[in-house]
Amino acid sequence: MDKLHLSEHISQQFNEELEEVRSKVLQMGGVVEEQLNKAVKALITGSEELAAEVVQNDARVNALEVEIDDDCTRIVARRQPAASDLRLVMAVIRTINDLERIGDEVKRVAKTVGDELRGTLEEDVRQELEHMGEQVSRMLTSVLDAFARTDPDAALAVSKADRKVDVKYKAITRQLISYMMQDHSSIPVILNVLWAARALERIGDRCQNIAEYVIYLVIGKNVRYASIDEIMAELEAD
């Protein structure tokens, strides 16, 4: 095999390795999505069986993170990727880290489910939590789609959506504090619900992080500490 063909062969292998890593990220994201939807359903319905399933399956998320991280380490060591490919590898490493953290928050939601929640959640609180869970689930689906399509505009929309999740979390927090003030005996249970709401809010933050990695992948600039307006300006200037 001459040098030209050898170079093309190596380049093709490298592209296949990168594509396989991207596919594994989406696979991991799909597992986390499923876990999140089950955890929210368990919280709303009080299903301890479903909650236990979520806790048990968290090991799948952790295993995928380790596997993908190892793949990225091998790629960097063997291929010494150029700038654009290196950005992809770095974006993947950061993304799987946040997906693993989302998995941890999902497990926290599941762990709040128990006998003491049955019959204690007011219907308005239940509806608010369900709505917040749906918001966060849409964010996760959207940011994974943005990653798959390398779409910075879709990623920006996810960053904007995090504001709505924050507003919902603050509203639920005020609501629950009001209930605790009215009935001190409810404090242990309400605190449990607060931990679940906080975990959902943190998942929204992690989705925003992943959205920023997608933007970094496209324009090559770190926007993690930039405002929405600053990110929009960066995208328009690109």
C-alpha atoms as a PDB file:
ATOM      1  CA  MET A   1       0.000   0.000   0.000  1.00  0.00           C
ATOM      2  CA  ASP A   2       1.542   3.368  -1.069  1.00  0.00           C
ATOM      3  CA  LYS A   3       1.722   6.349   1.291  1.00  0.00           C
ATOM      4  CA  LEU A   4      -1.310   8.090  -0.238  1.00  0.00           C
ATOM      5  CA  HIS A   5      -3.547   5.064   0.095  1.00  0.00           C
ATOM      6  CA  LEU A   6      -2.193   4.349   3.578  1.00  0.00           C
ATOM      7  CA  SER A   7      -3.011   7.919   4.620  1.00  0.00           C
ATOM      8  CA  GLU A   8      -6.548   7.623   3.195  1.00  0.00           C
ATOM      9  CA  HIS A   9      -7.007   4.299   4.965  1.00  0.00           C
ATOM     10  CA  ILE A  10      -5.888   5.748   8.297  1.00  0.00           C
ATOM     11  CA  SER A  11      -8.119   8.795   7.790  1.00  0.00           C
ATOM     12  CA  GLN A  12     -11.120   6.557   7.064  1.00  0.00           C
ATOM     13  CA  GLN A  13     -10.418   4.470  10.171  1.00  0.00           C
ATOM     14  CA  PHE A  14     -10.147   7.633  12.255  1.00  0.00           C
ATOM     15  CA  ASN A  15     -13.461   8.963  10.942  1.00  0.00           C
ATOM     16  CA  GLU A  16     -15.113   5.643  11.740  1.00  0.00           C
ATOM     17  CA  GLU A  17     -13.730   5.746  15.271  1.00  0.00           C
ATOM     18  CA  LEU A  18     -15.065   9.271  15.776  1.00  0.00           C
ATOM     19  CA  GLU A  19     -18.465   8.301  14.397  1.00  0.00           C
ATOM     20  CA  GLU A  20     -18.597   5.271  16.692  1.00  0.00           C
ATOM     21  CA  VAL A  21     -17.877   7.485  19.694  1.00  0.00           C
ATOM     22  CA  ARG A  22     -20.643   9.896  18.661  1.00  0.00           C
ATOM     23  CA  SER A  23     -23.046   6.961  18.340  1.00  0.00           C
ATOM     24  CA  LYS A  24     -22.133   5.711  21.806  1.00  0.00           C
ATOM     25  CA  VAL A  25     -22.819   9.162  23.265  1.00  0.00           C
ATOM     26  CA  LEU A  26     -26.303   9.087  21.755  1.00  0.00           C
ATOM     27  CA  GLN A  27     -26.777   5.553  23.054  1.00  0.00           C
ATOM     28  CA  MET A  28     -25.829   6.733  26.537  1.00  0.00           C
ATOM     29  CA  GLY A  29     -28.157   9.696  26.136  1.00  0.00           C
ATOM     30  CA  GLY A  30     -31.002   7.363  25.198  1.00  0.00           C
ATOM     31  CA  VAL A  31     -30.461   5.332  28.368  1.00  0.00           C
ATOM     32  CA  VAL A  32     -30.447   8.505  30.485  1.00  0.00           C
ATOM     33  CA  GLU A  33     -33.638   9.717  28.767  1.00  0.00           C
ATOM     34  CA  GLU A  34     -35.387   6.454  29.590  1.00  0.00           C
ATOM     35  CA  GLN A  35     -34.160   6.633  33.181  1.00  0.00           C
ATOM     36  CA  LEU A  36     -35.409  10.209  33.566  1.00  0.00           C
ATOM     37  CA  ASN A  37     -38.880   9.448  32.231  1.00  0.00           C
ATOM     38  CA  LYS A  38     -39.201   6.454  34.536  1.00  0.00           C
ATOM     39  CA  ALA A  39     -38.000   8.404  37.566  1.00  0.00           C
ATOM     40  CA  VAL A  40     -40.504  11.225  36.982  1.00  0.00           C
ATOM     41  CA  LYS A  41     -43.303   8.699  36.505  1.00  0.00           C
ATOM     42  CA  ALA A  42     -42.260   6.926  39.707  1.00  0.00           C
ATOM     43  CA  LEU A  43     -42.282  10.246  41.580  1.00  0.00           C
ATOM     44  CA  ILE A  44     -45.716  11.257  40.315  1.00  0.00           C
ATOM     45  CA  THR A  45     -47.347   7.834  40.785  1.00  0.00           C
ATOM     46  CA  GLY A  46     -45.433   6.782  43.906  1.00  0.00           C
ATOM     47  CA  SER A  47     -44.292   3.558  42.233  1.00  0.00           C
ATOM     48  CA  GLU A  48     -41.499   2.148  44.390  1.00  0.00           C
ATOM     49  CA  GLU A  49     -41.021  -0.716  41.926  1.00  0.00           C
ATOM     50  CA  LEU A  50     -40.311   1.675  39.066  1.00  0.00           C
ATOM     51  CA  ALA A  51     -38.064   3.795  41.303  1.00  0.00           C
ATOM     52  CA  ALA A  52     -36.048   0.719  42.295  1.00  0.00           C
ATOM     53  CA  GLU A  53     -35.612  -0.148  38.616  1.00  0.00           C
ATOM     54  CA  VAL A  54     -34.180   3.323  37.959  1.00  0.00           C
ATOM     55  CA  VAL A  55     -31.719   3.036  40.834  1.00  0.00           C
ATOM     56  CA  GLN A  56     -30.595  -0.401  39.694  1.00  0.00           C
ATOM     57  CA  ASN A  57     -30.121   0.653  36.060  1.00  0.00           C
ATOM     58  CA  ASP A  58     -27.890   3.597  36.949  1.00  0.00           C
ATOM     59  CA  ALA A  59     -24.946   1.204  36.590  1.00  0.00           C
ATOM     60  CA  ARG A  60     -25.618   1.095  32.821  1.00  0.00           C
ATOM     61  CA  VAL A  61     -25.063   4.845  32.578  1.00  0.00           C
ATOM     62  CA  ASN A  62     -21.835   4.644  34.574  1.00  0.00           C
ATOM     63  CA  ALA A  63     -20.524   1.763  32.454  1.00  0.00           C
ATOM     64  CA  LEU A  64     -21.162   3.653  29.222  1.00  0.00           C
ATOM     65  CA  GLU A  65     -19.353   6.727  30.534  1.00  0.00           C
ATOM     66  CA  VAL A  66     -16.282   4.646  31.381  1.00  0.00           C
ATOM     67  CA  GLU A  67     -16.369   2.904  27.993  1.00  0.00           C
ATOM     68  CA  ILE A  68     -16.665   6.133  25.985  1.00  0.00           C
ATOM     69  CA  ASP A  69     -14.035   7.883  28.092  1.00  0.00           C
ATOM     70  CA  ASP A  70     -11.631   5.017  27.410  1.00  0.00           C
ATOM     71  CA  ASP A  71     -12.393   5.270  23.675  1.00  0.00           C
ATOM     72  CA  CYS A  72     -11.608   8.996  23.710  1.00  0.00           C
ATOM     73  CA  THR A  73      -8.350   8.422  25.585  1.00  0.00           C
ATOM     74  CA  ARG A  74      -7.255   5.880  22.977  1.00  0.00           C
ATOM     75  CA  ILE A  75      -8.167   8.218  20.126  1.00  0.00           C
ATOM     76  CA  VAL A  76      -6.140  11.086  21.562  1.00  0.00           C
ATOM     77  CA  ALA A  77      -3.150   8.802  22.303  1.00  0.00           C
ATOM     78  CA  ARG A  78      -3.127   7.030  18.932  1.00  0.00           C
ATOM     79  CA  ARG A  79      -4.425   9.629  16.493  1.00  0.00           C
ATOM     80  CA  GLN A  80      -3.246  12.941  17.937  1.00  0.00           C
ATOM     81  CA  PRO A  81      -6.282  14.638  16.352  1.00  0.00           C
ATOM     82  CA  ALA A  82      -6.139  18.051  14.729  1.00  0.00           C
ATOM     83  CA  ALA A  83      -8.010  21.039  16.171  1.00  0.00           C
ATOM     84  CA  SER A  84     -11.530  20.343  14.887  1.00  0.00           C
ATOM     85  CA  ASP A  85     -11.393  16.631  15.694  1.00  0.00           C
ATOM     86  CA  LEU A  86      -9.880  17.365  19.078  1.00  0.00           C
ATOM     87  CA  ARG A  87     -12.804  19.683  19.803  1.00  0.00           C
ATOM     88  CA  LEU A  88     -15.156  16.804  19.061  1.00  0.00           C
ATOM     89  CA  VAL A  89     -13.279  14.496  21.430  1.00  0.00           C
ATOM     90  CA  MET A  90     -13.287  17.152  24.166  1.00  0.00           C
ATOM     91  CA  ALA A  91     -16.980  17.863  23.622  1.00  0.00           C
ATOM     92  CA  VAL A  92     -17.707  14.136  23.898  1.00  0.00           C
ATOM     93  CA  ILE A  93     -15.741  13.795  27.148  1.00  0.00           C
ATOM     94  CA  ARG A  94     -17.534  16.774  28.689  1.00  0.00           C
ATOM     95  CA  THR A  95     -20.920  15.613  27.418  1.00  0.00           C
ATOM     96  CA  ILE A  96     -20.656  12.098  28.844  1.00  0.00           C
ATOM     97  CA  ASN A  97     -19.552  13.570  32.161  1.00  0.00           C
ATOM     98  CA  ASP A  98     -22.708  15.660  32.300  1.00  0.00           C
ATOM     99  CA  LEU A  99     -24.849  12.736  31.147  1.00  0.00           C
ATOM    100  CA  GLU A 100     -23.416  10.674  34.001  1.00  0.00           C
ATOM    101  CA  ARG A 101     -24.223  13.503  36.419  1.00  0.00           C
ATOM    102  CA  ILE A 102     -27.757  13.658  35.010  1.00  0.00           C
ATOM    103  CA  GLY A 103     -27.968   9.940  35.719  1.00  0.00           C
ATOM    104  CA  ASP A 104     -26.979  10.641  39.321  1.00  0.00           C
ATOM    105  CA  GLU A 105     -29.684  13.310  39.653  1.00  0.00           C
ATOM    106  CA  VAL A 106     -32.230  10.925  38.128  1.00  0.00           C
ATOM    107  CA  LYS A 107     -31.276   8.348  40.745  1.00  0.00           C
ATOM    108  CA  ARG A 108     -31.796  10.978  43.461  1.00  0.00           C
ATOM    109  CA  VAL A 109     -35.305  11.607  42.147  1.00  0.00           C
ATOM    110  CA  ALA A 110     -36.035   7.885  42.243  1.00  0.00           C
ATOM    111  CA  LYS A 111     -34.700   7.575  45.779  1.00  0.00           C
ATOM    112  CA  THR A 112     -37.218  10.137  47.046  1.00  0.00           C
ATOM    113  CA  VAL A 113     -40.061   7.790  46.132  1.00  0.00           C
ATOM    114  CA  GLY A 114     -41.431   5.830  49.081  1.00  0.00           C
ATOM    115  CA  ASP A 115     -44.446   4.986  51.191  1.00  0.00           C
ATOM    116  CA  GLU A 116     -44.390   8.378  52.896  1.00  0.00           C
ATOM    117  CA  LEU A 117     -45.121  10.153  49.583  1.00  0.00           C
ATOM    118  CA  ARG A 118     -48.287   8.193  48.894  1.00  0.00           C
ATOM    119  CA  GLY A 119     -51.325  10.378  49.428  1.00  0.00           C
ATOM    120  CA  THR A 120     -49.259  13.301  50.713  1.00  0.00           C
ATOM    121  CA  LEU A 121     -48.567  15.166  47.468  1.00  0.00           C
ATOM    122  CA  GLU A 122     -51.221  17.793  46.842  1.00  0.00           C
ATOM    123  CA  GLU A 123     -52.642  17.593  43.333  1.00  0.00           C
ATOM    124  CA  ASP A 124     -51.322  21.029  42.403  1.00  0.00           C
ATOM    125  CA  VAL A 125     -47.804  20.055  43.535  1.00  0.00           C
ATOM    126  CA  ARG A 126     -48.054  16.770  41.646  1.00  0.00           C
ATOM    127  CA  GLN A 127     -49.032  18.631  38.477  1.00  0.00           C
ATOM    128  CA  GLU A 128     -46.223  21.154  38.886  1.00  0.00           C
ATOM    129  CA  LEU A 129     -43.638  18.398  39.380  1.00  0.00           C
ATOM    130  CA  GLU A 130     -44.969  16.517  36.374  1.00  0.00           C
ATOM    131  CA  HIS A 131     -44.791  19.674  34.259  1.00  0.00           C
ATOM    132  CA  MET A 132     -41.240  20.356  35.432  1.00  0.00           C
ATOM    133  CA  GLY A 133     -40.272  16.767  34.646  1.00  0.00           C
ATOM    134  CA  GLU A 134     -41.700  17.159  31.145  1.00  0.00           C
ATOM    135  CA  GLN A 135     -39.775  20.409  30.625  1.00  0.00           C
ATOM    136  CA  VAL A 136     -36.500  18.800  31.660  1.00  0.00           C
ATOM    137  CA  SER A 137     -37.183  15.704  29.561  1.00  0.00           C
ATOM    138  CA  ARG A 138     -37.768  17.883  26.480  1.00  0.00           C
ATOM    139  CA  MET A 139     -34.503  19.716  27.186  1.00  0.00           C
ATOM    140  CA  LEU A 140     -32.591  16.437  27.322  1.00  0.00           C
ATOM    141  CA  THR A 141     -34.165  15.147  24.110  1.00  0.00           C
ATOM    142  CA  SER A 142     -33.518  18.450  22.343  1.00  0.00           C
ATOM    143  CA  VAL A 143     -29.893  18.746  23.432  1.00  0.00           C
ATOM    144  CA  LEU A 144     -29.131  15.180  22.348  1.00  0.00           C
ATOM    145  CA  ASP A 145     -30.697  15.986  18.983  1.00  0.00           C
ATOM    146  CA  ALA A 146     -28.570  19.158  18.789  1.00  0.00           C
ATOM    147  CA  PHE A 147     -25.483  17.053  19.532  1.00  0.00           C
ATOM    148  CA  ALA A 148     -26.427  14.469  16.892  1.00  0.00           C
ATOM    149  CA  ARG A 149     -26.949  17.146  14.223  1.00  0.00           C
ATOM    150  CA  THR A 150     -24.171  19.467  15.475  1.00  0.00           C
ATOM    151  CA  ASP A 151     -26.788  22.225  15.495  1.00  0.00           C
ATOM    152  CA  PRO A 152     -25.757  25.334  17.482  1.00  0.00           C
ATOM    153  CA  ASP A 153     -29.132  27.049  17.019  1.00  0.00           C
ATOM    154  CA  ALA A 154     -30.950  24.060  18.543  1.00  0.00           C
ATOM    155  CA  ALA A 155     -28.383  24.065  21.354  1.00  0.00           C
ATOM    156  CA  LEU A 156     -29.058  27.758  21.980  1.00  0.00           C
ATOM    157  CA  ALA A 157     -32.797  27.016  22.250  1.00  0.00           C
ATOM    158  CA  VAL A 158     -31.994  24.490  24.993  1.00  0.00           C
ATOM    159  CA  SER A 159     -30.010  27.128  26.898  1.00  0.00           C
ATOM    160  CA  LYS A 160     -33.001  29.453  26.711  1.00  0.00           C
ATOM    161  CA  ALA A 161     -35.343  26.692  27.921  1.00  0.00           C
ATOM    162  CA  ASP A 162     -33.328  26.331  31.126  1.00  0.00           C
ATOM    163  CA  ARG A 163     -34.718  29.696  32.262  1.00  0.00           C
ATOM    164  CA  LYS A 164     -38.245  28.245  32.263  1.00  0.00           C
ATOM    165  CA  VAL A 165     -37.107  25.278  34.356  1.00  0.00           C
ATOM    166  CA  ASP A 166     -35.534  27.667  36.870  1.00  0.00           C
ATOM    167  CA  VAL A 167     -38.776  29.640  37.098  1.00  0.00           C
ATOM    168  CA  LYS A 168     -40.768  26.452  37.644  1.00  0.00           C
ATOM    169  CA  TYR A 169     -38.366  25.274  40.346  1.00  0.00           C
ATOM    170  CA  LYS A 170     -38.672  28.561  42.244  1.00  0.00           C
ATOM    171  CA  ALA A 171     -42.479  28.397  42.037  1.00  0.00           C
ATOM    172  CA  ILE A 172     -42.542  24.826  43.371  1.00  0.00           C
ATOM    173  CA  THR A 173     -40.121  25.754  46.160  1.00  0.00           C
ATOM    174  CA  ARG A 174     -42.335  28.652  47.301  1.00  0.00           C
ATOM    175  CA  GLN A 175     -45.364  26.390  47.178  1.00  0.00           C
ATOM    176  CA  LEU A 176     -43.737  23.678  49.280  1.00  0.00           C
ATOM    177  CA  ILE A 177     -42.376  26.132  51.845  1.00  0.00           C
ATOM    178  CA  SER A 178     -45.909  27.486  52.250  1.00  0.00           C
ATOM    179  CA  TYR A 179     -47.192  23.956  52.941  1.00  0.00           C
ATOM    180  CA  MET A 180     -44.468  23.364  55.534  1.00  0.00           C
ATOM    181  CA  MET A 181     -45.379  26.586  57.325  1.00  0.00           C
ATOM    182  CA  GLN A 182     -49.017  25.524  57.463  1.00  0.00           C
ATOM    183  CA  ASP A 183     -48.322  21.996  58.714  1.00  0.00           C
ATOM    184  CA  HIS A 184     -45.035  21.392  60.537  1.00  0.00           C
ATOM    185  CA  SER A 185     -45.633  17.646  60.610  1.00  0.00           C
ATOM    186  CA  SER A 186     -45.337  17.617  56.821  1.00  0.00           C
ATOM    187  CA  ILE A 187     -41.785  18.986  56.837  1.00  0.00           C
ATOM    188  CA  PRO A 188     -39.906  15.634  56.425  1.00  0.00           C
ATOM    189  CA  VAL A 189     -42.039  14.606  53.452  1.00  0.00           C
ATOM    190  CA  ILE A 190     -42.001  18.062  51.855  1.00  0.00           C
ATOM    191  CA  LEU A 191     -38.209  18.221  52.172  1.00  0.00           C
ATOM    192  CA  ASN A 192     -38.054  14.951  50.279  1.00  0.00           C
ATOM    193  CA  VAL A 193     -40.117  16.464  47.484  1.00  0.00           C
ATOM    194  CA  LEU A 194     -37.883  19.534  47.509  1.00  0.00           C
ATOM    195  CA  TRP A 195     -34.823  17.311  46.960  1.00  0.00           C
ATOM    196  CA  ALA A 196     -36.573  15.760  43.965  1.00  0.00           C
ATOM    197  CA  ALA A 197     -37.433  19.173  42.510  1.00  0.00           C
ATOM    198  CA  ARG A 198     -33.870  20.339  43.079  1.00  0.00           C
ATOM    199  CA  ALA A 199     -32.542  17.269  41.246  1.00  0.00           C
ATOM    200  CA  LEU A 200     -34.787  18.070  38.270  1.00  0.00           C
ATOM    201  CA  GLU A 201     -33.537  21.656  38.255  1.00  0.00           C
ATOM    202  CA  ARG A 202     -29.953  20.413  38.243  1.00  0.00           C
ATOM    203  CA  ILE A 203     -30.721  18.160  35.274  1.00  0.00           C
ATOM    204  CA  GLY A 204     -31.821  21.281  33.392  1.00  0.00           C
ATOM    205  CA  ASP A 205     -28.489  22.907  34.249  1.00  0.00           C
ATOM    206  CA  ARG A 206     -26.603  19.849  32.954  1.00  0.00           C
ATOM    207  CA  CYS A 207     -28.570  19.962  29.696  1.00  0.00           C
ATOM    208  CA  GLN A 208     -27.561  23.601  29.328  1.00  0.00           C
ATOM    209  CA  ASN A 209     -23.930  22.566  29.821  1.00  0.00           C
ATOM    210  CA  ILE A 210     -24.204  20.036  26.995  1.00  0.00           C
ATOM    211  CA  ALA A 211     -25.785  22.701  24.781  1.00  0.00           C
ATOM    212  CA  GLU A 212     -22.749  24.898  25.399  1.00  0.00           C
ATOM    213  CA  TYR A 213     -20.430  22.030  24.412  1.00  0.00           C
ATOM    214  CA  VAL A 214     -22.284  21.709  21.105  1.00  0.00           C
ATOM    215  CA  ILE A 215     -21.775  25.420  20.460  1.00  0.00           C
ATOM    216  CA  TYR A 216     -18.098  25.060  21.398  1.00  0.00           C
ATOM    217  CA  LEU A 217     -17.797  22.171  18.949  1.00  0.00           C
ATOM    218  CA  VAL A 218     -19.152  24.278  16.100  1.00  0.00           C
ATOM    219  CA  ILE A 219     -17.540  27.685  16.656  1.00  0.00           C
ATOM    220  CA  GLY A 220     -14.485  26.655  18.689  1.00  0.00           C
ATOM    221  CA  LYS A 221     -15.171  29.104  21.522  1.00  0.00           C
ATOM    222  CA  ASN A 222     -15.901  28.302  25.149  1.00  0.00           C
ATOM    223  CA  VAL A 223     -19.245  29.923  26.042  1.00  0.00           C
ATOM    224  CA  ARG A 224     -19.807  28.261  29.422  1.00  0.00           C
ATOM    225  CA  TYR A 225     -19.764  31.563  31.306  1.00  0.00           C
ATOM    226  CA  ALA A 226     -21.380  33.700  28.641  1.00  0.00           C
ATOM    227  CA  SER A 227     -24.900  35.102  28.772  1.00  0.00           C
ATOM    228  CA  ILE A 228     -27.564  34.064  26.262  1.00  0.00           C
ATOM    229  CA  ASP A 229     -27.138  37.401  24.463  1.00  0.00           C
ATOM    230  CA  GLU A 230     -23.362  36.919  24.279  1.00  0.00           C
ATOM    231  CA  ILE A 231     -23.783  33.393  22.890  1.00  0.00           C
ATOM    232  CA  MET A 232     -26.222  34.691  20.258  1.00  0.00           C
ATOM    233  CA  ALA A 233     -23.702  37.331  19.244  1.00  0.00           C
ATOM    234  CA  GLU A 234     -20.973  34.692  18.916  1.00  0.00           C
ATOM    235  CA  LEU A 235     -23.187  32.530  16.690  1.00  0.00           C
ATOM    236  CA  GLU A 236     -24.148  35.470  14.481  1.00  0.00           C
ATOM    237  CA  ALA A 237     -20.498  36.443  14.114  1.00  0.00           C
ATOM    238  CA  ASP A 238     -19.405  32.898  13.207  1.00  0.00           C
END
